Amino acid sequence: MPTEIPLGFLLADAHRLFRRRFERRTEEAGQGLTAGEARTLAYAAVYPGRRQAALAEAMNTDPMTLVAHLDGLEAKGLVRREADPADRRAKRVRLTEAADATHAAVSQIGRGVREVATRGFTEAEVAELDRLLARVVANLSEAEAER
């Protein structure tokens, strides 16, 4: 009798394989970014103005690792850290205008990985996958907030 693979395993495996391919493609692209910097740039674009600590949490990385990635991106002129007006000790992360071309290249890499991951899916199936995964995230986020 076949054993059903737990959803958590499937999500973890999909994440690991997606991330591994993204990182490999990023390194091959010659953008002058480490894979971690590319991920950070992508997350900073999706979550503009987010505090560093919240960005680290969204990325599932420790704050010190994020700081190293941000230092590299800042040295390249791709991000800036601004004091949070509500808490001057906290920093908010924003892309600079100079990041546009690099972010476009990183986004293209992400789209390419997505195309591989959804190979053989119809457009409707890809849309349904997006919708269902967004619901999983919303459900788990809501449950986490209720703790």
N, C-alpha and C. Protein backbone atom coordinates (compact mmCIF):
# COMPACT_ATOMS: atom_id res chain seq x y z
N MET A 1 0.85 -1.18 0.00
CA MET A 1 0.00 0.00 0.00
C MET A 1 0.90 1.24 0.00
N PRO A 2 0.72 2.16 -0.97
CA PRO A 2 1.57 3.35 -1.02
C PRO A 2 1.32 4.26 0.17
N THR A 3 2.40 4.85 0.65
CA THR A 3 2.31 5.78 1.76
C THR A 3 2.13 7.19 1.21
N GLU A 4 1.17 7.91 1.76
CA GLU A 4 0.94 9.29 1.34
C GLU A 4 2.08 10.16 1.88
N ILE A 5 2.63 10.98 1.01
CA ILE A 5 3.71 11.87 1.43
C ILE A 5 3.08 13.07 2.13
N PRO A 6 3.50 13.37 3.35
CA PRO A 6 2.92 14.49 4.08
C PRO A 6 3.13 15.82 3.35
N LEU A 7 2.14 16.69 3.45
CA LEU A 7 2.19 17.99 2.80
C LEU A 7 3.45 18.75 3.20
N GLY A 8 3.81 18.72 4.46
CA GLY A 8 5.01 19.42 4.91
C GLY A 8 6.26 18.94 4.19
N PHE A 9 6.35 17.64 3.95
CA PHE A 9 7.49 17.10 3.21
C PHE A 9 7.50 17.62 1.78
N LEU A 10 6.33 17.59 1.14
CA LEU A 10 6.23 18.07 -0.24
C LEU A 10 6.61 19.54 -0.34
N LEU A 11 6.11 20.35 0.58
CA LEU A 11 6.44 21.78 0.56
C LEU A 11 7.93 22.00 0.81
N ALA A 12 8.49 21.27 1.76
CA ALA A 12 9.92 21.42 2.07
C ALA A 12 10.78 20.98 0.88
N ASP A 13 10.42 19.87 0.26
CA ASP A 13 11.18 19.39 -0.90
C ASP A 13 11.08 20.37 -2.06
N ALA A 14 9.86 20.87 -2.32
CA ALA A 14 9.68 21.83 -3.41
C ALA A 14 10.50 23.09 -3.14
N HIS A 15 10.48 23.58 -1.92
CA HIS A 15 11.24 24.78 -1.57
C HIS A 15 12.74 24.55 -1.75
N ARG A 16 13.22 23.42 -1.24
CA ARG A 16 14.65 23.11 -1.32
C ARG A 16 15.11 23.04 -2.78
N LEU A 17 14.36 22.34 -3.60
CA LEU A 17 14.74 22.17 -5.00
C LEU A 17 14.60 23.47 -5.79
N PHE A 18 13.55 24.23 -5.53
CA PHE A 18 13.36 25.52 -6.19
C PHE A 18 14.50 26.46 -5.84
N ARG A 19 14.81 26.53 -4.54
CA ARG A 19 15.87 27.42 -4.09
C ARG A 19 17.23 27.00 -4.65
N ARG A 20 17.49 25.71 -4.65
CA ARG A 20 18.78 25.22 -5.17
C ARG A 20 18.94 25.61 -6.64
N ARG A 21 17.89 25.43 -7.44
CA ARG A 21 17.96 25.79 -8.86
C ARG A 21 18.12 27.30 -9.03
N PHE A 22 17.37 28.08 -8.24
CA PHE A 22 17.48 29.54 -8.29
C PHE A 22 18.91 29.97 -7.97
N GLU A 23 19.47 29.41 -6.92
CA GLU A 23 20.83 29.78 -6.53
C GLU A 23 21.85 29.41 -7.59
N ARG A 24 21.71 28.24 -8.18
CA ARG A 24 22.63 27.81 -9.24
C ARG A 24 22.52 28.75 -10.44
N ARG A 25 21.30 29.07 -10.84
CA ARG A 25 21.11 29.96 -11.99
C ARG A 25 21.61 31.37 -11.69
N THR A 26 21.46 31.82 -10.47
CA THR A 26 21.95 33.14 -10.07
C THR A 26 23.46 33.20 -10.20
N GLU A 27 24.14 32.19 -9.70
CA GLU A 27 25.60 32.16 -9.78
C GLU A 27 26.07 32.10 -11.23
N GLU A 28 25.33 31.39 -12.09
CA GLU A 28 25.70 31.26 -13.50
C GLU A 28 25.44 32.54 -14.29
N ALA A 29 24.55 33.41 -13.79
CA ALA A 29 24.10 34.58 -14.55
C ALA A 29 25.16 35.68 -14.64
N GLY A 30 26.13 35.68 -13.73
CA GLY A 30 27.18 36.68 -13.78
C GLY A 30 26.73 38.09 -13.47
N GLN A 31 25.77 38.23 -12.58
CA GLN A 31 25.28 39.55 -12.18
C GLN A 31 26.15 40.19 -11.09
N GLY A 32 27.13 39.45 -10.62
CA GLY A 32 27.97 39.98 -9.55
C GLY A 32 27.33 39.88 -8.19
N LEU A 33 26.32 39.03 -8.07
CA LEU A 33 25.63 38.83 -6.80
C LEU A 33 25.85 37.41 -6.32
N THR A 34 25.92 37.26 -5.01
CA THR A 34 25.86 35.92 -4.45
C THR A 34 24.40 35.47 -4.51
N ALA A 35 24.18 34.19 -4.36
CA ALA A 35 22.81 33.69 -4.35
C ALA A 35 22.02 34.32 -3.21
N GLY A 36 22.64 34.48 -2.06
CA GLY A 36 21.98 35.12 -0.92
C GLY A 36 21.63 36.57 -1.18
N GLU A 37 22.51 37.28 -1.86
CA GLU A 37 22.21 38.67 -2.21
C GLU A 37 21.05 38.74 -3.20
N ALA A 38 21.02 37.82 -4.15
CA ALA A 38 19.94 37.80 -5.13
C ALA A 38 18.60 37.53 -4.45
N ARG A 39 18.57 36.57 -3.54
CA ARG A 39 17.35 36.28 -2.77
C ARG A 39 16.93 37.49 -1.97
N THR A 40 17.90 38.15 -1.33
CA THR A 40 17.60 39.32 -0.52
C THR A 40 17.03 40.44 -1.37
N LEU A 41 17.63 40.65 -2.53
CA LEU A 41 17.14 41.67 -3.46
C LEU A 41 15.70 41.36 -3.86
N ALA A 42 15.42 40.11 -4.18
CA ALA A 42 14.07 39.72 -4.57
C ALA A 42 13.07 39.95 -3.44
N TYR A 43 13.42 39.57 -2.24
CA TYR A 43 12.52 39.76 -1.10
C TYR A 43 12.33 41.25 -0.80
N ALA A 44 13.39 42.03 -0.91
CA ALA A 44 13.27 43.47 -0.66
C ALA A 44 12.35 44.12 -1.69
N ALA A 45 12.31 43.58 -2.90
CA ALA A 45 11.41 44.10 -3.93
C ALA A 45 9.96 43.73 -3.63
N VAL A 46 9.75 42.52 -3.15
CA VAL A 46 8.39 42.07 -2.85
C VAL A 46 7.85 42.74 -1.59
N TYR A 47 8.74 43.02 -0.64
CA TYR A 47 8.36 43.62 0.64
C TYR A 47 9.07 44.96 0.83
N PRO A 48 8.76 45.96 0.00
CA PRO A 48 9.49 47.24 0.08
C PRO A 48 9.27 47.95 1.42
N GLY A 49 10.36 48.44 1.96
CA GLY A 49 10.29 49.19 3.21
C GLY A 49 10.10 48.35 4.45
N ARG A 50 10.24 47.04 4.33
CA ARG A 50 10.08 46.17 5.50
C ARG A 50 11.29 46.29 6.41
N ARG A 51 11.04 46.17 7.70
CA ARG A 51 12.15 46.18 8.66
C ARG A 51 13.05 44.98 8.42
N GLN A 52 14.35 45.17 8.74
CA GLN A 52 15.32 44.09 8.54
C GLN A 52 14.90 42.82 9.24
N ALA A 53 14.46 42.92 10.50
CA ALA A 53 14.09 41.72 11.26
C ALA A 53 12.92 40.99 10.60
N ALA A 54 11.94 41.73 10.11
CA ALA A 54 10.79 41.12 9.44
C ALA A 54 11.20 40.51 8.10
N LEU A 55 12.14 41.16 7.43
CA LEU A 55 12.64 40.63 6.16
C LEU A 55 13.38 39.31 6.40
N ALA A 56 14.19 39.26 7.44
CA ALA A 56 14.90 38.03 7.78
C ALA A 56 13.91 36.91 8.08
N GLU A 57 12.85 37.24 8.79
CA GLU A 57 11.83 36.23 9.11
C GLU A 57 11.15 35.74 7.83
N ALA A 58 10.78 36.67 6.95
CA ALA A 58 10.13 36.28 5.69
C ALA A 58 11.04 35.38 4.86
N MET A 59 12.34 35.64 4.91
CA MET A 59 13.30 34.86 4.14
C MET A 59 13.68 33.56 4.84
N ASN A 60 13.26 33.40 6.08
CA ASN A 60 13.62 32.24 6.88
C ASN A 60 15.15 32.13 7.02
N THR A 61 15.73 33.27 7.35
CA THR A 61 17.17 33.32 7.58
C THR A 61 17.43 34.07 8.87
N ASP A 62 18.59 33.89 9.44
CA ASP A 62 18.89 34.60 10.68
C ASP A 62 19.28 36.05 10.36
N PRO A 63 19.01 36.95 11.29
CA PRO A 63 19.27 38.38 11.05
C PRO A 63 20.73 38.69 10.69
N MET A 64 21.68 37.99 11.27
CA MET A 64 23.09 38.27 10.97
C MET A 64 23.44 37.90 9.52
N THR A 65 22.86 36.82 9.03
CA THR A 65 23.08 36.44 7.63
C THR A 65 22.48 37.50 6.71
N LEU A 66 21.28 37.96 7.06
CA LEU A 66 20.65 39.01 6.26
C LEU A 66 21.51 40.26 6.24
N VAL A 67 22.05 40.64 7.39
CA VAL A 67 22.90 41.84 7.45
C VAL A 67 24.08 41.72 6.49
N ALA A 68 24.68 40.54 6.43
CA ALA A 68 25.81 40.34 5.51
C ALA A 68 25.36 40.51 4.06
N HIS A 69 24.20 39.97 3.71
CA HIS A 69 23.68 40.14 2.35
C HIS A 69 23.37 41.61 2.07
N LEU A 70 22.75 42.28 3.03
CA LEU A 70 22.42 43.70 2.85
C LEU A 70 23.68 44.54 2.73
N ASP A 71 24.70 44.20 3.51
CA ASP A 71 25.97 44.94 3.39
C ASP A 71 26.51 44.85 1.97
N GLY A 72 26.47 43.65 1.39
CA GLY A 72 26.95 43.47 0.02
C GLY A 72 26.11 44.24 -0.98
N LEU A 73 24.80 44.18 -0.82
CA LEU A 73 23.90 44.91 -1.74
C LEU A 73 24.05 46.42 -1.58
N GLU A 74 24.24 46.86 -0.36
CA GLU A 74 24.42 48.30 -0.12
C GLU A 74 25.73 48.78 -0.73
N ALA A 75 26.78 47.98 -0.60
CA ALA A 75 28.07 48.34 -1.19
C ALA A 75 27.99 48.43 -2.71
N LYS A 76 27.08 47.66 -3.30
CA LYS A 76 26.88 47.69 -4.76
C LYS A 76 25.89 48.78 -5.16
N GLY A 77 25.35 49.50 -4.19
CA GLY A 77 24.40 50.58 -4.47
C GLY A 77 23.01 50.11 -4.83
N LEU A 78 22.65 48.88 -4.45
CA LEU A 78 21.37 48.30 -4.84
C LEU A 78 20.27 48.43 -3.79
N VAL A 79 20.66 48.59 -2.53
CA VAL A 79 19.67 48.81 -1.47
C VAL A 79 20.17 49.93 -0.56
N ARG A 80 19.22 50.47 0.18
CA ARG A 80 19.57 51.42 1.23
C ARG A 80 18.77 51.03 2.47
N ARG A 81 19.37 51.29 3.62
CA ARG A 81 18.70 51.04 4.88
C ARG A 81 18.39 52.39 5.50
N GLU A 82 17.14 52.57 5.88
CA GLU A 82 16.69 53.83 6.44
C GLU A 82 16.21 53.60 7.86
N ALA A 83 16.43 54.58 8.71
CA ALA A 83 15.91 54.48 10.07
C ALA A 83 14.38 54.45 10.01
N ASP A 84 13.79 53.60 10.83
CA ASP A 84 12.33 53.53 10.92
C ASP A 84 11.86 54.71 11.76
N PRO A 85 10.97 55.54 11.25
CA PRO A 85 10.51 56.70 12.01
C PRO A 85 9.84 56.33 13.33
N ALA A 86 9.26 55.12 13.39
CA ALA A 86 8.60 54.67 14.62
C ALA A 86 9.60 54.14 15.65
N ASP A 87 10.77 53.73 15.20
CA ASP A 87 11.80 53.17 16.09
C ASP A 87 13.15 53.39 15.42
N ARG A 88 13.87 54.41 15.83
CA ARG A 88 15.11 54.80 15.18
C ARG A 88 16.17 53.70 15.21
N ARG A 89 16.02 52.72 16.12
CA ARG A 89 16.99 51.62 16.17
C ARG A 89 16.77 50.63 15.04
N ALA A 90 15.53 50.55 14.55
CA ALA A 90 15.18 49.60 13.50
C ALA A 90 15.49 50.22 12.13
N LYS A 91 15.82 49.37 11.19
CA LYS A 91 16.14 49.81 9.83
C LYS A 91 15.14 49.20 8.86
N ARG A 92 14.71 50.02 7.91
CA ARG A 92 13.83 49.58 6.82
C ARG A 92 14.67 49.45 5.55
N VAL A 93 14.37 48.46 4.74
CA VAL A 93 15.16 48.15 3.56
C VAL A 93 14.39 48.55 2.30
N ARG A 94 15.06 49.30 1.44
CA ARG A 94 14.46 49.73 0.17
C ARG A 94 15.46 49.53 -0.96
N LEU A 95 14.93 49.18 -2.13
CA LEU A 95 15.77 49.11 -3.32
C LEU A 95 16.07 50.53 -3.79
N THR A 96 17.23 50.70 -4.40
CA THR A 96 17.56 51.99 -5.01
C THR A 96 17.15 51.93 -6.48
N GLU A 97 17.15 53.07 -7.13
CA GLU A 97 16.86 53.10 -8.57
C GLU A 97 17.90 52.30 -9.34
N ALA A 98 19.12 52.28 -8.84
CA ALA A 98 20.19 51.54 -9.50
C ALA A 98 19.93 50.03 -9.50
N ALA A 99 19.01 49.57 -8.66
CA ALA A 99 18.72 48.14 -8.56
C ALA A 99 17.79 47.65 -9.66
N ASP A 100 17.19 48.55 -10.41
CA ASP A 100 16.17 48.14 -11.39
C ASP A 100 16.64 47.06 -12.35
N ALA A 101 17.77 47.27 -12.99
CA ALA A 101 18.26 46.30 -13.99
C ALA A 101 18.64 44.97 -13.33
N THR A 102 19.29 45.05 -12.19
CA THR A 102 19.69 43.83 -11.49
C THR A 102 18.46 43.07 -11.01
N HIS A 103 17.50 43.81 -10.47
CA HIS A 103 16.27 43.16 -10.01
C HIS A 103 15.54 42.51 -11.19
N ALA A 104 15.53 43.16 -12.34
CA ALA A 104 14.90 42.57 -13.52
C ALA A 104 15.58 41.27 -13.91
N ALA A 105 16.90 41.23 -13.84
CA ALA A 105 17.64 40.01 -14.17
C ALA A 105 17.35 38.90 -13.16
N VAL A 106 17.30 39.24 -11.88
CA VAL A 106 16.99 38.25 -10.84
C VAL A 106 15.57 37.74 -11.02
N SER A 107 14.65 38.64 -11.35
CA SER A 107 13.26 38.23 -11.57
C SER A 107 13.15 37.28 -12.75
N GLN A 108 13.93 37.54 -13.78
CA GLN A 108 13.93 36.65 -14.96
C GLN A 108 14.43 35.26 -14.57
N ILE A 109 15.43 35.20 -13.72
CA ILE A 109 15.91 33.91 -13.24
C ILE A 109 14.79 33.20 -12.49
N GLY A 110 14.10 33.92 -11.61
CA GLY A 110 12.99 33.33 -10.86
C GLY A 110 11.88 32.82 -11.77
N ARG A 111 11.56 33.58 -12.82
CA ARG A 111 10.54 33.14 -13.77
C ARG A 111 10.99 31.87 -14.49
N GLY A 112 12.27 31.80 -14.81
CA GLY A 112 12.79 30.60 -15.47
C GLY A 112 12.69 29.37 -14.58
N VAL A 113 12.99 29.54 -13.31
CA VAL A 113 12.88 28.42 -12.37
C VAL A 113 11.41 28.02 -12.22
N ARG A 114 10.55 29.02 -12.16
CA ARG A 114 9.11 28.74 -12.06
C ARG A 114 8.63 27.96 -13.28
N GLU A 115 9.12 28.32 -14.46
CA GLU A 115 8.73 27.60 -15.68
C GLU A 115 9.14 26.13 -15.62
N VAL A 116 10.32 25.88 -15.08
CA VAL A 116 10.77 24.49 -14.94
C VAL A 116 9.89 23.77 -13.91
N ALA A 117 9.62 24.44 -12.80
CA ALA A 117 8.83 23.82 -11.73
C ALA A 117 7.41 23.50 -12.16
N THR A 118 6.86 24.30 -13.07
CA THR A 118 5.48 24.09 -13.49
C THR A 118 5.38 23.53 -14.92
N ARG A 119 6.46 22.94 -15.37
CA ARG A 119 6.48 22.33 -16.71
C ARG A 119 5.34 21.33 -16.83
N GLY A 120 4.58 21.44 -17.93
CA GLY A 120 3.47 20.53 -18.16
C GLY A 120 2.17 20.99 -17.52
N PHE A 121 2.20 22.08 -16.75
CA PHE A 121 0.98 22.61 -16.15
C PHE A 121 0.29 23.52 -17.17
N THR A 122 -1.02 23.55 -17.12
CA THR A 122 -1.75 24.55 -17.90
C THR A 122 -1.69 25.88 -17.15
N GLU A 123 -2.03 26.95 -17.84
CA GLU A 123 -2.08 28.26 -17.17
C GLU A 123 -3.07 28.22 -16.01
N ALA A 124 -4.19 27.54 -16.21
CA ALA A 124 -5.20 27.43 -15.15
C ALA A 124 -4.64 26.67 -13.94
N GLU A 125 -3.85 25.63 -14.19
CA GLU A 125 -3.26 24.87 -13.08
C GLU A 125 -2.24 25.72 -12.33
N VAL A 126 -1.45 26.51 -13.04
CA VAL A 126 -0.48 27.39 -12.38
C VAL A 126 -1.23 28.41 -11.52
N ALA A 127 -2.29 28.98 -12.05
CA ALA A 127 -3.08 29.96 -11.29
C ALA A 127 -3.70 29.30 -10.06
N GLU A 128 -4.18 28.07 -10.22
CA GLU A 128 -4.77 27.34 -9.09
C GLU A 128 -3.71 27.01 -8.04
N LEU A 129 -2.54 26.61 -8.48
CA LEU A 129 -1.44 26.35 -7.55
C LEU A 129 -1.11 27.60 -6.75
N ASP A 130 -1.00 28.73 -7.43
CA ASP A 130 -0.73 30.00 -6.75
C ASP A 130 -1.82 30.30 -5.71
N ARG A 131 -3.07 30.13 -6.14
CA ARG A 131 -4.19 30.43 -5.24
C ARG A 131 -4.19 29.51 -4.02
N LEU A 132 -3.96 28.24 -4.25
CA LEU A 132 -3.97 27.29 -3.13
C LEU A 132 -2.80 27.51 -2.18
N LEU A 133 -1.62 27.75 -2.72
CA LEU A 133 -0.47 28.01 -1.85
C LEU A 133 -0.67 29.31 -1.06
N ALA A 134 -1.27 30.31 -1.68
CA ALA A 134 -1.56 31.56 -0.95
C ALA A 134 -2.53 31.29 0.20
N ARG A 135 -3.48 30.39 -0.01
CA ARG A 135 -4.40 30.03 1.07
C ARG A 135 -3.69 29.29 2.19
N VAL A 136 -2.78 28.40 1.83
CA VAL A 136 -2.01 27.67 2.85
C VAL A 136 -1.23 28.68 3.70
N VAL A 137 -0.57 29.62 3.03
CA VAL A 137 0.20 30.65 3.75
C VAL A 137 -0.73 31.47 4.64
N ALA A 138 -1.86 31.90 4.12
CA ALA A 138 -2.80 32.72 4.90
C ALA A 138 -3.32 31.93 6.11
N ASN A 139 -3.67 30.67 5.91
CA ASN A 139 -4.16 29.84 7.01
C ASN A 139 -3.12 29.68 8.10
N LEU A 140 -1.90 29.38 7.70
CA LEU A 140 -0.84 29.17 8.70
C LEU A 140 -0.45 30.48 9.37
N SER A 141 -0.47 31.58 8.62
CA SER A 141 -0.17 32.89 9.21
C SER A 141 -1.22 33.27 10.24
N GLU A 142 -2.48 33.01 9.91
CA GLU A 142 -3.57 33.32 10.83
C GLU A 142 -3.46 32.45 12.10
N ALA A 143 -3.17 31.19 11.90
CA ALA A 143 -3.02 30.29 13.06
C ALA A 143 -1.86 30.72 13.94
N GLU A 144 -0.77 31.18 13.29
CA GLU A 144 0.41 31.65 14.04
C GLU A 144 0.07 32.90 14.84
N ALA A 145 -0.72 33.79 14.25
CA ALA A 145 -1.12 35.03 14.92
C ALA A 145 -2.03 34.76 16.12
N GLU A 146 -2.76 33.66 16.07
CA GLU A 146 -3.68 33.31 17.16
C GLU A 146 -2.95 32.73 18.36
N ARG A 147 -1.71 32.35 18.20
CA ARG A 147 -0.96 31.71 19.31
C ARG A 147 -0.93 32.56 20.51
